[in-house]
Structure formats: structure tokens, C-alpha cells
Amino acid sequence: MKRVLIVDDDRRMRRTLQILLERMGLDSAAAADAREAHEHLRGARFDLVLTDLQLPGPSGLDLLDEIRAAHPSLPVVLLTAYGTIQTAIEAIRKGAAEYILKPFDNDSLAHVVRKALDGERVRSENDFLKAQVDESWAAADRVQALPGLRPVAELIDKLAPSASAVLVTGETGTGKELVARAIHTASPRRKALFVPLNCAALPAELLEAELFGHVRGAFTGADRDRKGKFEVADGGTLFLDEIGDMPLALQAKLLRVLEDGSVERLGSNSPVRVDARIVSATNQNLPDAIAAKQFRGDLYYRLNTFEVRLPPLRERPGDVDVLASLLLERSARDLGKTPPQLSDAALALLRGYAWPGNVRELRNLMERVAVLAADAVISEAFCRVMLQLPPGDAGASPSAAAALGSAGGDQSLTGAVDRYERQLLLQCLDQTGDNKAEAARRLGVSERTLWYKLKKHGL
């Protein structure tokens, strides 16, 4: 449900606006001045701010300036009983979405609010589309740059011009979505959308609605018609990640869509023609799943016109050098730090590591290195500590030793790792302002794991 923040020093006006917004199906919160508005904005997410121009203390225009600086994409509508052409022009120039005079009629207010919310939705969708395009081009460049994926890149060049279905297989974290995006970018569909959907991330009912869309009233909460991923991907590529986790009943419906080339939204009997290329991915052995009656054989052969197998990172050590340097530089720049360099010994250690989590594990490691590195050159000893590997023959670097802290009476590896882990948690929480969700993301763990670690170390 969309949420609106009302800012007005007149209590009766605040209540009137809240009632009108509730009738529109919108949630709302109210503030009497700019200070209260900032408190609301710090504590919750809003889709629109509806503020009076004349406020005690900072005016509505002042509040607009502050919102534009802190929340550039948040639309603001100004209301005033003292409007002039000059203030209207000033408000729009400063970034107001709309401007309305008091007294207003209910229909006019509803129209302005809907227009502002629709504009915010369009901006969000455009940002999403731009990110999708940027990611696809970056994916194609990365596949071409990795020596261990050269055979994969050559296969992509051959199969991309067709509209045939492609099944990308490989262990978790090998970069299957990267390959799917590269296929899309190299295809004639590159100007249309690449639409990803993780089939393991949603329960069956929601997954069906995401795939095929729904009409208003199809189920509780369906307050408007909504396109599914098939329709959104029309003319482009639909990427079905973790296809092996799709429920059997939904597999049958997916097969029918692939064979007919049309979808029916939930609650509708009207078929809609779609033309989306299907690229799917799995880390499962689908022939074994077929034998166990957990996956449909007819769907497997429909999805598997071409198979692209991604080798695990341990089978392509030459890619480690390229990926580690790229990921470390990106992580450091995201933190506003000068990217450190990996020493030759550190790179040799990384090349020889088994990487059970593949590229995803390497990315998480480089994020942790970027956060904790104090030296311009990352040593092998420091990487050993980060990977929780036994120490090598060479002594620990000063930064690694400092991170581990004084051994005291406990010289065991477990004790050293515990001391380092505790300091790592403290540093990350300090750098994120005690933001647990951001700290968990930087450390490459779930929030549940982070809370367990904090409790373990008494933090």
C-alpha cells in the first residue's frame, strides 16, 4: 500500500486529508511541522509528501529543499491558501511534483495525488530498466574478459542470434545470471527487456501471479490489473532462475504457455500473445529430478534446446586474478576508499583455493577485504585470515596480526579466528553506524547469522 506523509499545522486539515487519502486506498502519517516531518521520514518509507506551504518554523519550500537533498526521488505536493504565480513557479523550479490551492475539492486533490504517485512509479520503473540495461552490457563484457569462460563466450556468440530456449547449468554462485544477460545482450532482442525471476524465492501462488499476471479481484489484495513477467518480457528475454525448484503443477502451466505462445492472467479467460525468449538456469541435475518425478521431462526438453554448462571457479583458476581484482576495486570504491592491490602471493593463494561458493564467495571475500584492509597491498597472510585457513610459512603481515589481536594464553587457530571475528564485527558495525542489515550485507552473511555472532561475542 502506498504511503503519504501529510505536513500541516492545522489539526483539522491533517485529519481531513487523512480521511480523503484513506478513501483512495492510501495509508498516511501526519506531522505538524518540518521537524516532525523529518522524524517520520527518518523512521519509515513514504511514496509522497503532501505539505502546506505556510508552516511554523521552516516553510513548505524549505522542507521541499531538504527532502530533495535527502530523498531526491520522493515526490512532494505543496498546498497553500496564499498561492501566487511566483510561488508556484518557485515550487516547481525547486522540484515539487505538483502545486494545489486551498480550498480544493476532493476530486482535484485525488487527481493531483494520483498523478504524483504515477510519476514516482514511472521514475522507479525507468531506474529499474536503466539498471537492467547497464547490468546486461556489463555481463557481456565480463564473460568476454574471463579466460576460463572463453568456450562459453564462443557458444553464446553462436546461439544468441536465435530465439531458441537455453538452459544454463552449474553450481551455485558460478554466474549463471551473468551468462543469461550476456546471451540477451548478444541477441537481436537486446533493445527490449531482460526480465529475471527467481523460481525458488516465492511460494507457488505468488510465483504463478508473477509469471502470468492477474486481473483486479483475482485474489485478495489484487486491487488492479497487473502484467506478469511474460508480458513484461514480450520482445525480450525472460530469465527463469532456479527452474528446478518450480512446483510440478506450475511446470505444467509453464509448458502450456511455451507451446501456445500466449498467457492468461489469473482471473481472466482472455489469452494474451507473448514473444519472450526463455533462458533458464539451475544448479540441480534435472535428469535425476525427472527420474525422481520431481521435474517434468517434457518441460526439460522444451527448455533445453541449448545447454550452457558453467564450470566451477576451482576449474578455472585463471579467472580468479581477473575477478578478484575487479571485485576488490568495485567494493573499495563503493566505500569511498582507494582500492588496494593483491600481492602475487595473495593471488596465488586465491587461485589454489577450492571456492565452494564459487564467484559469490569470492565477491563476499573481496567486500570483507575492502572493509578491513589497512595496507595498500594485501598480503597472503591477510587473505588466509579472511578465509579462515591455517597460517602459511610466512609470518602474518602487521595489519593481519593487528586484526587478530594479541594471542594471550590462547594460541589455537580457533581462538585467533574468534578474536579476529569479534574485531571484524565491531569494525563493520562502526562503519555502518550500527546498521545490522548493512553490516550483514557487507560481511556476506544473513541478518540471522549476524545476530548469532553478536550474541556469541557478547556485542
Foldseek 3Di string as FASTA:
>chain_A
DAEEEEEALDPVVQVVVQVLQVVVVYHYDYHDALVVVVVVVVPDDHQEYEYEQDGPDDGPQSSLLVCCVVPVLRAYEYEYQDDDPVVQVVSVVSPHQYYYYPPDDSVVVVVSVVSSSVVSVVVVVVVVQVVQLVLLVVLLVLLVPAPVNVVVNVVLLVPLADLAFEEEEEAAQLCSVSSVSNSQCNYPLSVAGEAEDEQQPDPQVVLLCQAAWAADPLDPPRHHGDGHPQASQFSGAYEYEQVLPHAPVVLVVVVVCLVVQWGAHRPGPDTDHGRHRYYYYHHDDVVVCVVVVSYDPVSVVRNPPDYHYRYFCLVRLSRQQVLLQVLLCVLLVVLVHHRAAEDPLLSVVSSNDNPPNGSLVSNLLSLLCSLQPPDSYDYNQQSCLSVLHPGDPDDHDPSSDVLQPDCPPPPDSVSSNLSNVVSSLVSLCVSVVNPLCVSCVSNVHHSVVSVVSCVVVVD
